[in-house]
């Protein structure tokens, strides 16, 4: 399969282009590699003689992840282009807060991810960005952090977003951060799931909010039934930082799927799973969720998830659970319940 036709062609093409820039730059000193999904960029830094510190926001493939990059100062940084403009803005401020004055920052990604327009966002904080490499439908932009530039918003708390949401026990302040799904609002899929899953017995049950985002589903169920014991799992450590604020004392689990869980089991697993990874639409999360659930459900336990009507998981549900029913069929969404 060609590079451009494979599912992760953007990651591979962007990493290849960025690696070429690093090979020509002759970089020295400490380099912060930010949000990279593949090892090629870090390898290129080492081959050029630099020392690598990696920052991963997403806890994929068992790697260490955190909501904010390590403290600097660094002599240079690379940044894999995030999927949303506000997420890029936050990552740029994070980079600036740990770079030495005059240090370069390279931002790279695919053109259809917004690499061509990223320069305007970069220039709101740094010296004007210039394209230093292009090819494979990707681009690398270089900018220099100047100490004369505006002071960066250099902590996660400075990006805190607050709104008010209605819960069974009344209105509640709700916290979110850039790049977290739904940004503190009640999206249609989550609303459908909450309308349906409230019919499932919760008293005294152990519940897992899978792909929890800022924790809305689990928090709603806790408010609906205070005796339910809810854990929150997500691949995004920034989302988990929000969930920790929204549900004080809650157990949060950074994990790509069930990888961080061992022999733990739940009476109910609930989820509004994502269907996109970057630009690519994929059913990977849904498939891994459904296939992995039996190893983490108590006998007689159940899975409730909301999906888009056009992407039904009915085949995998039928092959995994003893009984499957549609709890709610509302507009573009369906809420499913699978019982072991």
C-alpha atoms as a PDB file:
ATOM      1  CA  UNK A   1       0.000   0.000   0.000  1.00  0.00           C
ATOM      2  CA  UNK A   2       1.381   3.441  -0.885  1.00  0.00           C
ATOM      3  CA  UNK A   3       2.305   5.949   1.807  1.00  0.00           C
ATOM      4  CA  UNK A   4      -0.520   8.312   0.893  1.00  0.00           C
ATOM      5  CA  UNK A   5      -3.149   5.594   0.837  1.00  0.00           C
ATOM      6  CA  UNK A   6      -2.259   4.011   4.208  1.00  0.00           C
ATOM      7  CA  UNK A   7      -4.331   5.042   7.232  1.00  0.00           C
ATOM      8  CA  UNK A   8      -1.448   6.888   8.895  1.00  0.00           C
ATOM      9  CA  UNK A   9       0.087   8.457   5.789  1.00  0.00           C
ATOM     10  CA  UNK A  10      -0.061  11.957   7.285  1.00  0.00           C
ATOM     11  CA  UNK A  11       1.986  10.957  10.323  1.00  0.00           C
ATOM     12  CA  UNK A  12       4.557   9.140   8.214  1.00  0.00           C
ATOM     13  CA  UNK A  13       4.906  11.767   5.513  1.00  0.00           C
ATOM     14  CA  UNK A  14       5.087  14.622   8.035  1.00  0.00           C
ATOM     15  CA  UNK A  15       7.675  12.803  10.179  1.00  0.00           C
ATOM     16  CA  UNK A  16       9.803  12.061   7.116  1.00  0.00           C
ATOM     17  CA  UNK A  17       9.772  15.714   6.062  1.00  0.00           C
ATOM     18  CA  UNK A  18      10.561  16.936   9.586  1.00  0.00           C
ATOM     19  CA  UNK A  19      13.406  14.441   9.901  1.00  0.00           C
ATOM     20  CA  UNK A  20      14.972  15.814   6.735  1.00  0.00           C
ATOM     21  CA  UNK A  21      14.888  19.357   8.139  1.00  0.00           C
ATOM     22  CA  UNK A  22      16.559  18.217  11.349  1.00  0.00           C
ATOM     23  CA  UNK A  23      19.270  16.429   9.399  1.00  0.00           C
ATOM     24  CA  UNK A  24      20.133  19.659   7.583  1.00  0.00           C
ATOM     25  CA  UNK A  25      19.802  21.939  10.596  1.00  0.00           C
ATOM     26  CA  UNK A  26      22.677  20.401  12.545  1.00  0.00           C
ATOM     27  CA  UNK A  27      20.764  20.951  15.747  1.00  0.00           C
ATOM     28  CA  UNK A  28      22.614  20.730  19.052  1.00  0.00           C
ATOM     29  CA  UNK A  29      21.565  20.871  22.685  1.00  0.00           C
ATOM     30  CA  UNK A  30      18.246  19.844  24.197  1.00  0.00           C
ATOM     31  CA  UNK A  31      15.252  19.467  21.890  1.00  0.00           C
ATOM     32  CA  UNK A  32      11.639  19.097  22.983  1.00  0.00           C
ATOM     33  CA  UNK A  33       9.739  16.767  20.617  1.00  0.00           C
ATOM     34  CA  UNK A  34       6.054  17.579  21.047  1.00  0.00           C
ATOM     35  CA  UNK A  35       2.996  15.487  20.142  1.00  0.00           C
ATOM     36  CA  UNK A  36       4.790  13.175  17.720  1.00  0.00           C
ATOM     37  CA  UNK A  37       2.997   9.915  16.969  1.00  0.00           C
ATOM     38  CA  UNK A  38       6.026   8.113  15.494  1.00  0.00           C
ATOM     39  CA  UNK A  39       9.651   7.720  16.692  1.00  0.00           C
ATOM     40  CA  UNK A  40      11.353   9.054  13.538  1.00  0.00           C
ATOM     41  CA  UNK A  41      11.629  12.676  14.664  1.00  0.00           C
ATOM     42  CA  UNK A  42      13.198  11.816  18.029  1.00  0.00           C
ATOM     43  CA  UNK A  43      15.599   9.441  16.259  1.00  0.00           C
ATOM     44  CA  UNK A  44      16.610  12.227  13.845  1.00  0.00           C
ATOM     45  CA  UNK A  45      17.316  14.598  16.747  1.00  0.00           C
ATOM     46  CA  UNK A  46      19.636  12.036  18.329  1.00  0.00           C
ATOM     47  CA  UNK A  47      21.364  11.305  15.031  1.00  0.00           C
ATOM     48  CA  UNK A  48      22.012  15.050  14.634  1.00  0.00           C
ATOM     49  CA  UNK A  49      23.663  15.155  18.066  1.00  0.00           C
ATOM     50  CA  UNK A  50      20.797  16.612  20.107  1.00  0.00           C
ATOM     51  CA  UNK A  51      19.340  15.424  23.399  1.00  0.00           C
ATOM     52  CA  UNK A  52      15.659  14.502  23.233  1.00  0.00           C
ATOM     53  CA  UNK A  53      12.837  15.149  25.669  1.00  0.00           C
ATOM     54  CA  UNK A  54       9.489  13.972  24.358  1.00  0.00           C
ATOM     55  CA  UNK A  55       6.114  15.287  25.406  1.00  0.00           C
ATOM     56  CA  UNK A  56       3.037  13.207  24.695  1.00  0.00           C
ATOM     57  CA  UNK A  57      -0.389  14.520  25.568  1.00  0.00           C
ATOM     58  CA  UNK A  58      -2.015  11.224  24.532  1.00  0.00           C
ATOM     59  CA  UNK A  59      -1.239   7.993  26.366  1.00  0.00           C
ATOM     60  CA  UNK A  60      -1.025   5.841  23.253  1.00  0.00           C
ATOM     61  CA  UNK A  61       0.829   2.542  23.040  1.00  0.00           C
ATOM     62  CA  UNK A  62       1.657   2.517  26.736  1.00  0.00           C
ATOM     63  CA  UNK A  63       3.933   5.556  26.573  1.00  0.00           C
ATOM     64  CA  UNK A  64       4.187   8.113  29.354  1.00  0.00           C
ATOM     65  CA  UNK A  65       1.924  11.121  28.852  1.00  0.00           C
ATOM     66  CA  UNK A  66       1.131  14.332  30.701  1.00  0.00           C
ATOM     67  CA  UNK A  67      -1.153  17.339  30.353  1.00  0.00           C
ATOM     68  CA  UNK A  68       1.719  19.837  30.012  1.00  0.00           C
ATOM     69  CA  UNK A  69       5.278  19.579  28.650  1.00  0.00           C
ATOM     70  CA  UNK A  70       8.328  19.280  30.932  1.00  0.00           C
ATOM     71  CA  UNK A  71      10.040  22.403  32.218  1.00  0.00           C
ATOM     72  CA  UNK A  72      12.801  23.839  30.035  1.00  0.00           C
ATOM     73  CA  UNK A  73      14.646  25.698  28.928  1.00  0.00           C
ATOM     74  CA  UNK A  74      15.152  23.894  25.618  1.00  0.00           C
ATOM     75  CA  UNK A  75      17.401  24.865  22.709  1.00  0.00           C
ATOM     76  CA  UNK A  76      14.776  23.936  20.100  1.00  0.00           C
ATOM     77  CA  UNK A  77      11.409  22.222  19.753  1.00  0.00           C
ATOM     78  CA  UNK A  78       9.401  20.324  17.152  1.00  0.00           C
ATOM     79  CA  UNK A  79       5.604  20.308  17.192  1.00  0.00           C
ATOM     80  CA  UNK A  80       3.414  17.853  15.305  1.00  0.00           C
ATOM     81  CA  UNK A  81       0.482  19.935  14.125  1.00  0.00           C
ATOM     82  CA  UNK A  82      -2.578  19.390  16.364  1.00  0.00           C
ATOM     83  CA  UNK A  83      -5.981  18.855  14.806  1.00  0.00           C
ATOM     84  CA  UNK A  84      -7.706  22.044  16.060  1.00  0.00           C
ATOM     85  CA  UNK A  85      -6.657  25.706  15.912  1.00  0.00           C
ATOM     86  CA  UNK A  86      -7.210  26.339  19.610  1.00  0.00           C
ATOM     87  CA  UNK A  87      -5.224  23.202  20.414  1.00  0.00           C
ATOM     88  CA  UNK A  88      -2.378  24.490  18.231  1.00  0.00           C
ATOM     89  CA  UNK A  89      -2.555  27.861  19.955  1.00  0.00           C
ATOM     90  CA  UNK A  90      -2.196  26.233  23.373  1.00  0.00           C
ATOM     91  CA  UNK A  91       0.668  24.003  22.200  1.00  0.00           C
ATOM     92  CA  UNK A  92       2.520  27.035  20.785  1.00  0.00           C
ATOM     93  CA  UNK A  93       2.251  28.859  24.111  1.00  0.00           C
ATOM     94  CA  UNK A  94       3.408  25.715  25.899  1.00  0.00           C
ATOM     95  CA  UNK A  95       6.455  25.523  23.594  1.00  0.00           C
ATOM     96  CA  UNK A  96       7.279  29.211  24.000  1.00  0.00           C
ATOM     97  CA  UNK A  97       7.117  28.877  27.779  1.00  0.00           C
ATOM     98  CA  UNK A  98       9.929  26.294  27.810  1.00  0.00           C
ATOM     99  CA  UNK A  99      12.141  27.546  24.940  1.00  0.00           C
ATOM    100  CA  UNK A 100      15.259  29.676  25.318  1.00  0.00           C
ATOM    101  CA  UNK A 101      15.145  33.122  23.735  1.00  0.00           C
ATOM    102  CA  UNK A 102      16.046  32.897  20.053  1.00  0.00           C
ATOM    103  CA  UNK A 103      15.387  29.141  19.937  1.00  0.00           C
ATOM    104  CA  UNK A 104      13.705  27.684  16.838  1.00  0.00           C
ATOM    105  CA  UNK A 105      10.370  25.926  16.786  1.00  0.00           C
ATOM    106  CA  UNK A 106       9.427  23.699  13.862  1.00  0.00           C
ATOM    107  CA  UNK A 107       5.732  22.999  13.289  1.00  0.00           C
ATOM    108  CA  UNK A 108       4.912  20.270  10.793  1.00  0.00           C
ATOM    109  CA  UNK A 109       1.925  18.420   9.422  1.00  0.00           C
ATOM    110  CA  UNK A 110      -0.182  17.682   6.365  1.00  0.00           C
ATOM    111  CA  UNK A 111      -1.617  20.455   4.229  1.00  0.00           C
ATOM    112  CA  UNK A 112      -5.164  19.182   4.716  1.00  0.00           C
ATOM    113  CA  UNK A 113      -4.604  19.360   8.494  1.00  0.00           C
ATOM    114  CA  UNK A 114      -4.035  23.119   8.223  1.00  0.00           C
ATOM    115  CA  UNK A 115      -0.268  23.284   7.805  1.00  0.00           C
ATOM    116  CA  UNK A 116      -0.631  25.936   5.131  1.00  0.00           C
ATOM    117  CA  UNK A 117      -2.569  28.319   7.388  1.00  0.00           C
ATOM    118  CA  UNK A 118      -0.758  27.531  10.645  1.00  0.00           C
ATOM    119  CA  UNK A 119       1.655  30.409  10.073  1.00  0.00           C
ATOM    120  CA  UNK A 120      -1.001  32.979  10.979  1.00  0.00           C
ATOM    121  CA  UNK A 121      -1.523  31.339  14.374  1.00  0.00           C
ATOM    122  CA  UNK A 122       2.216  30.995  14.966  1.00  0.00           C
ATOM    123  CA  UNK A 123       2.833  34.669  14.171  1.00  0.00           C
ATOM    124  CA  UNK A 124       0.409  35.767  16.870  1.00  0.00           C
ATOM    125  CA  UNK A 125       3.038  34.711  19.380  1.00  0.00           C
ATOM    126  CA  UNK A 126       6.386  34.288  17.605  1.00  0.00           C
ATOM    127  CA  UNK A 127       8.450  35.904  14.884  1.00  0.00           C
ATOM    128  CA  UNK A 128       7.005  35.388  11.372  1.00  0.00           C
ATOM    129  CA  UNK A 129       7.000  31.727  10.370  1.00  0.00           C
ATOM    130  CA  UNK A 130       8.548  30.566   7.106  1.00  0.00           C
ATOM    131  CA  UNK A 131       8.151  27.328   5.176  1.00  0.00           C
ATOM    132  CA  UNK A 132      11.465  25.453   5.246  1.00  0.00           C
ATOM    133  CA  UNK A 133      10.306  22.218   3.608  1.00  0.00           C
ATOM    134  CA  UNK A 134       7.333  20.872   1.678  1.00  0.00           C
ATOM    135  CA  UNK A 135       6.530  17.616  -0.014  1.00  0.00           C
ATOM    136  CA  UNK A 136       4.358  14.554   0.287  1.00  0.00           C
ATOM    137  CA  UNK A 137       1.374  16.888   0.817  1.00  0.00           C
ATOM    138  CA  UNK A 138       3.012  18.119   4.016  1.00  0.00           C
ATOM    139  CA  UNK A 139       4.849  21.216   5.195  1.00  0.00           C
ATOM    140  CA  UNK A 140       7.377  22.259   7.857  1.00  0.00           C
ATOM    141  CA  UNK A 141       7.199  25.800   9.243  1.00  0.00           C
ATOM    142  CA  UNK A 142      10.012  27.387  11.248  1.00  0.00           C
ATOM    143  CA  UNK A 143       9.565  30.203  13.748  1.00  0.00           C
ATOM    144  CA  UNK A 144      11.835  31.710  16.374  1.00  0.00           C
ATOM    145  CA  UNK A 145      10.791  32.412  19.926  1.00  0.00           C
ATOM    146  CA  UNK A 146      11.811  35.943  20.842  1.00  0.00           C
ATOM    147  CA  UNK A 147      11.920  37.216  24.406  1.00  0.00           C
ATOM    148  CA  UNK A 148      10.459  40.461  23.025  1.00  0.00           C
ATOM    149  CA  UNK A 149       7.263  38.611  22.094  1.00  0.00           C
ATOM    150  CA  UNK A 150       4.175  38.651  24.326  1.00  0.00           C
ATOM    151  CA  UNK A 151       4.491  36.514  27.437  1.00  0.00           C
ATOM    152  CA  UNK A 152       3.108  33.038  26.739  1.00  0.00           C
ATOM    153  CA  UNK A 153       0.276  31.513  28.690  1.00  0.00           C
ATOM    154  CA  UNK A 154       2.626  28.974  30.149  1.00  0.00           C
ATOM    155  CA  UNK A 155       0.482  26.780  32.405  1.00  0.00           C
ATOM    156  CA  UNK A 156      -2.474  24.545  31.718  1.00  0.00           C
ATOM    157  CA  UNK A 157      -4.559  26.495  34.253  1.00  0.00           C
ATOM    158  CA  UNK A 158      -4.303  29.611  32.061  1.00  0.00           C
ATOM    159  CA  UNK A 159      -6.273  27.739  29.379  1.00  0.00           C
ATOM    160  CA  UNK A 160      -9.088  26.698  31.678  1.00  0.00           C
ATOM    161  CA  UNK A 161     -12.557  27.109  30.117  1.00  0.00           C
ATOM    162  CA  UNK A 162     -15.654  27.247  32.298  1.00  0.00           C
ATOM    163  CA  UNK A 163     -19.337  26.953  31.497  1.00  0.00           C
ATOM    164  CA  UNK A 164     -22.507  25.902  33.306  1.00  0.00           C
ATOM    165  CA  UNK A 165     -24.305  22.618  32.699  1.00  0.00           C
ATOM    166  CA  UNK A 166     -27.535  21.270  34.131  1.00  0.00           C
ATOM    167  CA  UNK A 167     -27.268  18.049  36.176  1.00  0.00           C
ATOM    168  CA  UNK A 168     -29.907  15.981  38.004  1.00  0.00           C
ATOM    169  CA  UNK A 169     -28.894  17.724  41.234  1.00  0.00           C
ATOM    170  CA  UNK A 170     -28.896  21.223  39.706  1.00  0.00           C
ATOM    171  CA  UNK A 171     -26.599  23.493  37.657  1.00  0.00           C
ATOM    172  CA  UNK A 172     -22.882  22.876  37.948  1.00  0.00           C
ATOM    173  CA  UNK A 173     -19.745  24.678  36.770  1.00  0.00           C
ATOM    174  CA  UNK A 174     -18.071  22.603  34.098  1.00  0.00           C
ATOM    175  CA  UNK A 175     -14.374  22.776  33.190  1.00  0.00           C
ATOM    176  CA  UNK A 176     -12.755  21.997  29.858  1.00  0.00           C
ATOM    177  CA  UNK A 177      -9.563  22.768  27.913  1.00  0.00           C
ATOM    178  CA  UNK A 178      -8.649  23.253  24.226  1.00  0.00           C
ATOM    179  CA  UNK A 179      -8.834  20.061  22.216  1.00  0.00           C
ATOM    180  CA  UNK A 180     -11.103  18.225  24.662  1.00  0.00           C
ATOM    181  CA  UNK A 181     -14.168  16.756  22.958  1.00  0.00           C
ATOM    182  CA  UNK A 182     -17.316  18.921  23.041  1.00  0.00           C
ATOM    183  CA  UNK A 183     -15.464  21.724  24.927  1.00  0.00           C
ATOM    184  CA  UNK A 184     -17.747  21.676  27.931  1.00  0.00           C
ATOM    185  CA  UNK A 185     -21.052  21.487  26.055  1.00  0.00           C
ATOM    186  CA  UNK A 186     -23.580  18.683  25.940  1.00  0.00           C
ATOM    187  CA  UNK A 187     -23.290  17.268  22.412  1.00  0.00           C
ATOM    188  CA  UNK A 188     -26.178  15.410  20.779  1.00  0.00           C
ATOM    189  CA  UNK A 189     -24.603  11.960  21.086  1.00  0.00           C
ATOM    190  CA  UNK A 190     -23.890  12.337  24.792  1.00  0.00           C
ATOM    191  CA  UNK A 191     -27.388  13.710  25.359  1.00  0.00           C
ATOM    192  CA  UNK A 192     -28.882  10.635  23.676  1.00  0.00           C
ATOM    193  CA  UNK A 193     -26.734   8.302  25.779  1.00  0.00           C
ATOM    194  CA  UNK A 194     -27.662  10.038  29.030  1.00  0.00           C
ATOM    195  CA  UNK A 195     -31.368   9.921  28.164  1.00  0.00           C
ATOM    196  CA  UNK A 196     -31.129   6.175  27.650  1.00  0.00           C
ATOM    197  CA  UNK A 197     -28.617   4.933  30.195  1.00  0.00           C
ATOM    198  CA  UNK A 198     -30.530   6.454  33.096  1.00  0.00           C
ATOM    199  CA  UNK A 199     -32.924   3.511  32.670  1.00  0.00           C
ATOM    200  CA  UNK A 200     -30.124   1.042  33.513  1.00  0.00           C
ATOM    201  CA  UNK A 201     -29.808   0.052  37.221  1.00  0.00           C
ATOM    202  CA  UNK A 202     -26.930   1.976  38.821  1.00  0.00           C
ATOM    203  CA  UNK A 203     -27.292   1.616  42.588  1.00  0.00           C
ATOM    204  CA  UNK A 204     -24.065   0.310  44.094  1.00  0.00           C
ATOM    205  CA  UNK A 205     -22.683  -0.511  40.645  1.00  0.00           C
ATOM    206  CA  UNK A 206     -19.084  -0.061  39.570  1.00  0.00           C
ATOM    207  CA  UNK A 207     -19.058   1.992  36.358  1.00  0.00           C
ATOM    208  CA  UNK A 208     -16.368   2.897  33.824  1.00  0.00           C
ATOM    209  CA  UNK A 209     -16.755   6.032  31.685  1.00  0.00           C
ATOM    210  CA  UNK A 210     -14.704   4.913  28.663  1.00  0.00           C
ATOM    211  CA  UNK A 211     -13.257   7.693  26.448  1.00  0.00           C
ATOM    212  CA  UNK A 212     -14.622  10.030  29.100  1.00  0.00           C
ATOM    213  CA  UNK A 213     -13.452  13.402  27.765  1.00  0.00           C
ATOM    214  CA  UNK A 214     -14.065  15.971  30.480  1.00  0.00           C
ATOM    215  CA  UNK A 215     -16.072  13.390  32.452  1.00  0.00           C
ATOM    216  CA  UNK A 216     -19.606  14.447  31.620  1.00  0.00           C
ATOM    217  CA  UNK A 217     -21.227  11.010  31.321  1.00  0.00           C
ATOM    218  CA  UNK A 218     -19.701   9.627  34.502  1.00  0.00           C
ATOM    219  CA  UNK A 219     -20.454  12.789  36.447  1.00  0.00           C
ATOM    220  CA  UNK A 220     -24.078  12.712  35.303  1.00  0.00           C
ATOM    221  CA  UNK A 221     -24.462   9.078  36.374  1.00  0.00           C
ATOM    222  CA  UNK A 222     -22.872   9.854  39.750  1.00  0.00           C
ATOM    223  CA  UNK A 223     -25.350  12.679  40.260  1.00  0.00           C
ATOM    224  CA  UNK A 224     -28.204  10.424  39.198  1.00  0.00           C
ATOM    225  CA  UNK A 225     -27.120   7.639  41.574  1.00  0.00           C
ATOM    226  CA  UNK A 226     -24.584   8.717  44.258  1.00  0.00           C
ATOM    227  CA  UNK A 227     -23.915   5.112  45.303  1.00  0.00           C
ATOM    228  CA  UNK A 228     -22.478   4.276  41.866  1.00  0.00           C
ATOM    229  CA  UNK A 229     -18.685   4.126  41.859  1.00  0.00           C
ATOM    230  CA  UNK A 230     -17.399   5.672  38.637  1.00  0.00           C
ATOM    231  CA  UNK A 231     -13.900   5.541  37.103  1.00  0.00           C
ATOM    232  CA  UNK A 232     -12.880   7.753  34.170  1.00  0.00           C
ATOM    233  CA  UNK A 233     -10.660   6.517  31.315  1.00  0.00           C
ATOM    234  CA  UNK A 234      -9.310   8.473  28.355  1.00  0.00           C
ATOM    235  CA  UNK A 235      -6.248   8.572  26.123  1.00  0.00           C
ATOM    236  CA  UNK A 236      -6.034  12.391  26.479  1.00  0.00           C
ATOM    237  CA  UNK A 237      -4.331  13.542  29.692  1.00  0.00           C
ATOM    238  CA  UNK A 238      -5.684  17.084  29.234  1.00  0.00           C
ATOM    239  CA  UNK A 239      -9.221  15.676  29.163  1.00  0.00           C
ATOM    240  CA  UNK A 240      -8.441  13.770  32.352  1.00  0.00           C
ATOM    241  CA  UNK A 241      -7.158  16.953  33.986  1.00  0.00           C
ATOM    242  CA  UNK A 242     -10.593  18.467  33.290  1.00  0.00           C
ATOM    243  CA  UNK A 243     -12.375  15.334  34.562  1.00  0.00           C
ATOM    244  CA  UNK A 244     -10.349  15.491  37.776  1.00  0.00           C
ATOM    245  CA  UNK A 245     -11.551  19.057  38.338  1.00  0.00           C
ATOM    246  CA  UNK A 246     -15.146  18.270  37.430  1.00  0.00           C
ATOM    247  CA  UNK A 247     -15.366  15.222  39.677  1.00  0.00           C
ATOM    248  CA  UNK A 248     -13.058  15.852  42.660  1.00  0.00           C
ATOM    249  CA  UNK A 249     -11.602  12.674  44.072  1.00  0.00           C
ATOM    250  CA  UNK A 250     -12.481  10.610  41.015  1.00  0.00           C
ATOM    251  CA  UNK A 251     -10.128   7.936  39.774  1.00  0.00           C
ATOM    252  CA  UNK A 252      -8.803   8.872  36.322  1.00  0.00           C
ATOM    253  CA  UNK A 253      -6.983   6.383  34.099  1.00  0.00           C
ATOM    254  CA  UNK A 254      -4.786   7.517  31.179  1.00  0.00           C
ATOM    255  CA  UNK A 255      -5.039   4.695  28.661  1.00  0.00           C
ATOM    256  CA  UNK A 256      -5.396   3.910  24.973  1.00  0.00           C
ATOM    257  CA  UNK A 257      -8.302   1.510  25.165  1.00  0.00           C
ATOM    258  CA  UNK A 258      -8.122  -1.016  27.991  1.00  0.00           C
ATOM    259  CA  UNK A 259      -4.322  -1.194  27.954  1.00  0.00           C
ATOM    260  CA  UNK A 260      -3.826   0.309  31.423  1.00  0.00           C
ATOM    261  CA  UNK A 261      -6.393  -1.985  33.035  1.00  0.00           C
ATOM    262  CA  UNK A 262      -5.419  -5.476  34.164  1.00  0.00           C
ATOM    263  CA  UNK A 263      -7.947  -7.646  35.972  1.00  0.00           C
ATOM    264  CA  UNK A 264     -10.354  -4.844  36.900  1.00  0.00           C
ATOM    265  CA  UNK A 265     -14.011  -5.461  36.148  1.00  0.00           C
ATOM    266  CA  UNK A 266     -17.105  -3.279  36.068  1.00  0.00           C
ATOM    267  CA  UNK A 267     -20.843  -3.787  36.239  1.00  0.00           C
ATOM    268  CA  UNK A 268     -21.416  -1.175  33.518  1.00  0.00           C
ATOM    269  CA  UNK A 269     -19.177   0.431  30.921  1.00  0.00           C
ATOM    270  CA  UNK A 270     -20.564   3.527  29.188  1.00  0.00           C
ATOM    271  CA  UNK A 271     -19.091   5.404  26.254  1.00  0.00           C
ATOM    272  CA  UNK A 272     -19.561   8.007  23.560  1.00  0.00           C
ATOM    273  CA  UNK A 273     -16.494   6.823  21.619  1.00  0.00           C
ATOM    274  CA  UNK A 274     -14.630   8.941  19.049  1.00  0.00           C
ATOM    275  CA  UNK A 275     -14.825   8.159  15.352  1.00  0.00           C
ATOM    276  CA  UNK A 276     -11.898  10.340  14.268  1.00  0.00           C
ATOM    277  CA  UNK A 277      -8.158  10.235  14.888  1.00  0.00           C
ATOM    278  CA  UNK A 278      -6.834  13.490  13.473  1.00  0.00           C
ATOM    279  CA  UNK A 279      -8.316  13.868   9.991  1.00  0.00           C
ATOM    280  CA  UNK A 280      -8.988  10.175   9.521  1.00  0.00           C
ATOM    281  CA  UNK A 281     -12.385   8.656  10.287  1.00  0.00           C
ATOM    282  CA  UNK A 282     -11.971   5.257  11.884  1.00  0.00           C
ATOM    283  CA  UNK A 283     -13.979   2.718  13.830  1.00  0.00           C
ATOM    284  CA  UNK A 284     -10.833   1.557  15.663  1.00  0.00           C
ATOM    285  CA  UNK A 285     -11.863   2.847  19.085  1.00  0.00           C
ATOM    286  CA  UNK A 286     -15.361   1.383  18.828  1.00  0.00           C
ATOM    287  CA  UNK A 287     -14.051  -1.970  17.638  1.00  0.00           C
ATOM    288  CA  UNK A 288     -11.430  -2.199  20.403  1.00  0.00           C
ATOM    289  CA  UNK A 289     -14.014  -1.126  22.966  1.00  0.00           C
ATOM    290  CA  UNK A 290     -16.535  -3.789  21.980  1.00  0.00           C
ATOM    291  CA  UNK A 291     -13.950  -6.553  21.603  1.00  0.00           C
ATOM    292  CA  UNK A 292     -12.211  -5.718  24.867  1.00  0.00           C
ATOM    293  CA  UNK A 293     -15.272  -5.261  27.061  1.00  0.00           C
ATOM    294  CA  UNK A 294     -15.836  -8.926  28.066  1.00  0.00           C
ATOM    295  CA  UNK A 295     -12.468  -9.007  29.855  1.00  0.00           C
ATOM    296  CA  UNK A 296     -13.525  -6.056  32.007  1.00  0.00           C
ATOM    297  CA  UNK A 297     -17.173  -6.782  32.813  1.00  0.00           C
ATOM    298  CA  UNK A 298     -18.503  -8.671  35.791  1.00  0.00           C
ATOM    299  CA  UNK A 299     -20.772 -11.651  35.090  1.00  0.00           C
ATOM    300  CA  UNK A 300     -24.071 -10.188  33.972  1.00  0.00           C
ATOM    301  CA  UNK A 301     -22.437  -6.823  33.283  1.00  0.00           C
ATOM    302  CA  UNK A 302     -23.272  -4.614  30.333  1.00  0.00           C
ATOM    303  CA  UNK A 303     -21.932  -2.087  27.846  1.00  0.00           C
ATOM    304  CA  UNK A 304     -23.928   0.956  26.788  1.00  0.00           C
ATOM    305  CA  UNK A 305     -22.597   3.130  23.980  1.00  0.00           C
ATOM    306  CA  UNK A 306     -23.878   5.696  21.535  1.00  0.00           C
ATOM    307  CA  UNK A 307     -22.970   5.516  17.857  1.00  0.00           C
ATOM    308  CA  UNK A 308     -23.847   7.234  14.629  1.00  0.00           C
ATOM    309  CA  UNK A 309     -26.636   5.461  12.708  1.00  0.00           C
ATOM    310  CA  UNK A 310     -24.509   5.352   9.562  1.00  0.00           C
ATOM    311  CA  UNK A 311     -21.710   3.494  11.378  1.00  0.00           C
ATOM    312  CA  UNK A 312     -23.515   0.776  13.358  1.00  0.00           C
ATOM    313  CA  UNK A 313     -21.410  -1.694  15.403  1.00  0.00           C
ATOM    314  CA  UNK A 314     -24.213  -4.264  15.405  1.00  0.00           C
ATOM    315  CA  UNK A 315     -22.126  -7.106  13.947  1.00  0.00           C
ATOM    316  CA  UNK A 316     -19.366  -6.853  16.562  1.00  0.00           C
ATOM    317  CA  UNK A 317     -21.943  -6.373  19.337  1.00  0.00           C
ATOM    318  CA  UNK A 318     -23.889  -9.465  18.258  1.00  0.00           C
ATOM    319  CA  UNK A 319     -20.723 -11.588  18.221  1.00  0.00           C
ATOM    320  CA  UNK A 320     -19.586 -10.320  21.632  1.00  0.00           C
ATOM    321  CA  UNK A 321     -22.712 -10.213  23.831  1.00  0.00           C
ATOM    322  CA  UNK A 322     -25.455 -12.675  24.699  1.00  0.00           C
ATOM    323  CA  UNK A 323     -28.145 -10.061  24.174  1.00  0.00           C
ATOM    324  CA  UNK A 324     -28.108  -6.737  22.340  1.00  0.00           C
ATOM    325  CA  UNK A 325     -30.839  -4.119  22.298  1.00  0.00           C
ATOM    326  CA  UNK A 326     -31.284  -0.573  21.038  1.00  0.00           C
ATOM    327  CA  UNK A 327     -32.177   1.592  24.026  1.00  0.00           C
ATOM    328  CA  UNK A 328     -32.784   4.720  21.964  1.00  0.00           C
ATOM    329  CA  UNK A 329     -33.020   5.510  18.272  1.00  0.00           C
ATOM    330  CA  UNK A 330     -32.975   9.291  17.966  1.00  0.00           C
ATOM    331  CA  UNK A 331     -32.114  11.164  14.790  1.00  0.00           C
ATOM    332  CA  UNK A 332     -28.522  10.431  13.738  1.00  0.00           C
ATOM    333  CA  UNK A 333     -27.703   8.467  16.902  1.00  0.00           C
ATOM    334  CA  UNK A 334     -28.433   5.069  18.365  1.00  0.00           C
ATOM    335  CA  UNK A 335     -27.817   3.969  21.948  1.00  0.00           C
ATOM    336  CA  UNK A 336     -26.954   0.296  22.334  1.00  0.00           C
ATOM    337  CA  UNK A 337     -26.938  -2.025  25.330  1.00  0.00           C
ATOM    338  CA  UNK A 338     -24.984  -5.262  25.223  1.00  0.00           C
ATOM    339  CA  UNK A 339     -25.287  -7.739  28.103  1.00  0.00           C
ATOM    340  CA  UNK A 340     -22.887 -10.569  28.890  1.00  0.00           C
END
